[in-house]
Amino acid sequence: MVIGVFVFALYVLEFVDMLFRGGLDNGGIEPRTVDGLWGIVFAPVLHYGWGHLVANTIPLLVLGFLVLLSGIGRGLAATGIIWVVGGLGTWLFGGANSNHLGASVLVFGWLTYLIARGLFTRHFGQLMLGVVVLFVYGGLLWGVLPGVPGMSWQGHLFGALGGVLAAWILASDVRKERAAKALTP
């Protein structure tokens, strides 16, 4: 339900953007500018038209749902880490005089979060889910490399790095429990 409401809100925002003739698109991340910092907050919910949003919809629904299966709090924490790391990385390393926006930061972050989480927790179910996600969506990972004009590979790359960081941070309690058990005779 949560991810469905989020994606519905993205469609509402794109409709509002259409009414303003793309005026909301100026709210993206403009690297290394003070005004561009606001884009870190707004960029993941804005898209360059319906085609851009539609392309992100199925991965958002599927990966977002899978991330939230581990609990709303944990899923939202992972999303927050991905959102900030993806945005700051894009702001720092994006091309000059460019504007980056789109929920693909979250798609790439959720993808790597799901893949890496099982590695950090050493939980069989999460490892298997990561393998399935890698099999189904792993081809997307090529998007972290430069090459397609007009596509924010920086957003993809730093979203993906944010996903790995979120998996590591949110698995710390499991790692601490495992270490404590190892010390207990």
Protein backbone atom coordinates (compact mmCIF):
# COMPACT_ATOMS: atom_id res chain seq x y z
CA MET A 1 0.00 0.00 0.00
CA VAL A 2 2.78 2.44 0.94
CA ILE A 3 4.69 1.99 -2.31
CA GLY A 4 1.45 2.20 -4.30
CA VAL A 5 0.59 5.54 -2.69
CA PHE A 6 4.13 6.81 -3.36
CA VAL A 7 3.95 5.88 -7.06
CA PHE A 8 0.46 7.37 -7.34
CA ALA A 9 1.86 10.61 -5.88
CA LEU A 10 4.56 10.59 -8.56
CA TYR A 11 1.84 10.45 -11.21
CA VAL A 12 -0.04 13.32 -9.56
CA LEU A 13 3.18 15.37 -9.52
CA GLU A 14 3.81 14.62 -13.20
CA PHE A 15 0.26 15.73 -14.00
CA VAL A 16 0.86 18.99 -12.09
CA ASP A 17 4.18 19.37 -13.94
CA MET A 18 2.31 18.93 -17.23
CA LEU A 19 -0.10 21.72 -16.21
CA PHE A 20 2.92 23.95 -15.55
CA ARG A 21 4.48 22.91 -18.89
CA GLY A 22 7.42 21.17 -17.29
CA GLY A 23 8.11 23.96 -14.82
CA LEU A 24 8.65 21.56 -11.91
CA ASP A 25 11.56 19.98 -13.79
CA ASN A 26 13.65 22.97 -12.72
CA GLY A 27 13.58 21.47 -9.22
CA GLY A 28 16.19 18.85 -10.07
CA ILE A 29 19.76 18.60 -8.83
CA GLU A 30 22.01 21.25 -10.37
CA PRO A 31 25.52 20.09 -9.46
CA ARG A 32 27.65 22.32 -7.28
CA THR A 33 25.18 25.21 -7.13
CA VAL A 34 23.54 26.43 -3.94
CA ASP A 35 20.07 26.36 -5.52
CA GLY A 36 20.82 22.86 -6.82
CA LEU A 37 20.98 21.56 -3.26
CA TRP A 38 17.17 21.75 -3.12
CA GLY A 39 17.16 19.20 -5.91
CA ILE A 40 18.45 16.61 -3.46
CA VAL A 41 15.06 16.85 -1.75
CA PHE A 42 12.87 17.07 -4.86
CA ALA A 43 14.68 15.32 -7.73
CA PRO A 44 13.57 11.72 -6.96
CA VAL A 45 9.89 12.67 -7.22
CA LEU A 46 10.19 14.63 -10.48
CA HIS A 47 10.46 13.22 -14.02
CA TYR A 48 11.14 14.51 -17.52
CA GLY A 49 7.71 13.61 -18.85
CA TRP A 50 5.39 10.62 -18.83
CA GLY A 51 7.77 8.28 -20.65
CA HIS A 52 10.43 8.80 -18.00
CA LEU A 53 7.93 8.13 -15.20
CA VAL A 54 6.39 5.10 -16.91
CA ALA A 55 9.87 3.58 -17.41
CA ASN A 56 10.49 3.84 -13.64
CA THR A 57 7.05 2.64 -12.51
CA ILE A 58 7.35 -1.18 -12.57
CA PRO A 59 10.84 -1.25 -10.97
CA LEU A 60 9.62 1.24 -8.34
CA LEU A 61 6.59 -0.89 -7.49
CA VAL A 62 8.44 -4.22 -7.43
CA LEU A 63 11.68 -3.17 -5.73
CA GLY A 64 9.94 -0.75 -3.36
CA PHE A 65 7.55 -3.50 -2.28
CA LEU A 66 10.44 -5.92 -1.68
CA VAL A 67 12.36 -3.33 0.35
CA LEU A 68 9.31 -2.63 2.51
CA LEU A 69 8.79 -6.35 3.21
CA SER A 70 11.51 -6.11 5.85
CA GLY A 71 9.36 -3.57 7.70
CA ILE A 72 8.13 -0.06 7.01
CA GLY A 73 10.65 1.56 9.36
CA ARG A 74 13.63 -0.31 7.94
CA GLY A 75 12.43 0.26 4.37
CA LEU A 76 11.96 3.98 4.95
CA ALA A 77 15.38 4.20 6.62
CA ALA A 78 16.97 2.50 3.59
CA THR A 79 15.09 4.86 1.28
CA GLY A 80 16.26 7.90 3.26
CA ILE A 81 19.89 6.82 3.11
CA ILE A 82 19.63 6.14 -0.63
CA TRP A 83 17.84 9.46 -1.25
CA VAL A 84 20.52 11.50 0.55
CA VAL A 85 23.59 9.61 -0.72
CA GLY A 86 22.23 9.53 -4.27
CA GLY A 87 21.41 13.22 -4.18
CA LEU A 88 24.64 14.41 -2.58
CA GLY A 89 26.78 12.25 -4.86
CA THR A 90 24.98 13.57 -7.92
CA TRP A 91 25.28 17.14 -6.65
CA LEU A 92 29.02 16.71 -6.08
CA PHE A 93 29.92 14.77 -9.23
CA GLY A 94 27.22 15.56 -11.81
CA GLY A 95 28.15 17.41 -14.96
CA ALA A 96 28.34 21.20 -14.84
CA ASN A 97 25.27 23.08 -16.10
CA SER A 98 23.10 19.96 -15.94
CA ASN A 99 19.84 19.12 -14.19
CA HIS A 100 19.31 15.65 -12.72
CA LEU A 101 15.96 14.25 -11.69
CA GLY A 102 13.98 11.04 -11.55
CA ALA A 103 13.16 8.17 -9.23
CA SER A 104 15.80 5.97 -10.82
CA VAL A 105 18.06 7.03 -7.93
CA LEU A 106 15.69 5.03 -5.73
CA VAL A 107 15.40 2.17 -8.23
CA PHE A 108 19.17 1.69 -8.34
CA GLY A 109 19.47 2.14 -4.58
CA TRP A 110 16.72 -0.36 -3.80
CA LEU A 111 18.21 -2.80 -6.30
CA THR A 112 21.66 -2.79 -4.69
CA TYR A 113 20.14 -2.71 -1.20
CA LEU A 114 18.26 -5.93 -1.90
CA ILE A 115 21.31 -7.56 -3.46
CA ALA A 116 23.75 -6.51 -0.70
CA ARG A 117 21.49 -6.94 2.34
CA GLY A 118 21.79 -10.74 2.35
CA LEU A 119 25.57 -10.51 2.08
CA PHE A 120 25.76 -8.35 5.20
CA THR A 121 23.16 -10.24 7.25
CA ARG A 122 24.14 -13.71 6.01
CA HIS A 123 20.45 -14.55 6.09
CA PHE A 124 19.60 -17.31 3.60
CA GLY A 125 16.20 -15.88 2.60
CA GLN A 126 17.64 -12.43 1.97
CA LEU A 127 20.55 -13.93 0.02
CA MET A 128 18.13 -15.84 -2.20
CA LEU A 129 15.98 -12.75 -2.71
CA GLY A 130 19.12 -10.85 -3.68
CA VAL A 131 20.04 -13.52 -6.23
CA VAL A 132 16.53 -13.41 -7.75
CA VAL A 133 16.55 -9.60 -7.86
CA LEU A 134 20.02 -9.65 -9.46
CA PHE A 135 18.80 -12.16 -12.05
CA VAL A 136 15.66 -10.16 -12.90
CA TYR A 137 16.95 -6.58 -12.64
CA GLY A 138 20.75 -6.98 -12.73
CA GLY A 139 20.96 -5.71 -16.30
CA LEU A 140 19.97 -2.28 -15.02
CA LEU A 141 23.32 -2.01 -13.27
CA TRP A 142 24.95 -1.10 -16.60
CA GLY A 143 23.17 2.25 -16.10
CA VAL A 144 25.78 3.27 -13.51
CA LEU A 145 28.27 3.72 -16.34
CA PRO A 146 28.47 6.83 -18.50
CA GLY A 147 27.37 6.45 -22.06
CA VAL A 148 23.73 7.36 -22.70
CA PRO A 149 23.37 11.10 -23.40
CA GLY A 150 20.80 12.77 -21.17
CA MET A 151 20.73 9.91 -18.64
CA SER A 152 22.05 10.66 -15.17
CA TRP A 153 24.50 7.84 -14.68
CA GLN A 154 25.72 9.81 -11.64
CA GLY A 155 22.27 9.50 -10.06
CA HIS A 156 22.24 5.79 -10.85
CA LEU A 157 25.77 5.27 -9.51
CA PHE A 158 25.30 7.17 -6.26
CA GLY A 159 21.81 5.73 -5.74
CA ALA A 160 23.40 2.26 -6.07
CA LEU A 161 26.19 3.19 -3.65
CA GLY A 162 23.55 4.52 -1.26
CA GLY A 163 21.77 1.16 -1.45
CA VAL A 164 24.91 -0.74 -0.49
CA LEU A 165 25.58 1.72 2.34
CA ALA A 166 21.98 1.37 3.57
CA ALA A 167 22.29 -2.43 3.54
CA TRP A 168 25.50 -2.24 5.55
CA ILE A 169 24.15 0.28 8.08
CA LEU A 170 20.82 -1.47 8.55
CA ALA A 171 22.48 -4.87 9.00
CA SER A 172 24.65 -3.61 11.86
CA ASP A 173 22.30 -5.02 14.51
CA VAL A 174 22.51 -8.47 12.89
CA ARG A 175 26.32 -8.24 12.69
CA LYS A 176 26.48 -7.22 16.39
CA GLU A 177 24.25 -10.15 17.40
CA ARG A 178 26.38 -12.56 15.39
CA ALA A 179 29.57 -11.18 16.98
CA ALA A 180 28.07 -11.46 20.48
CA LYS A 181 27.07 -15.09 19.84
CA ALA A 182 30.56 -15.85 18.57
CA LEU A 183 32.03 -14.57 21.86
CA THR A 184 29.57 -16.48 24.04
CA PRO A 185 30.72 -20.03 24.88
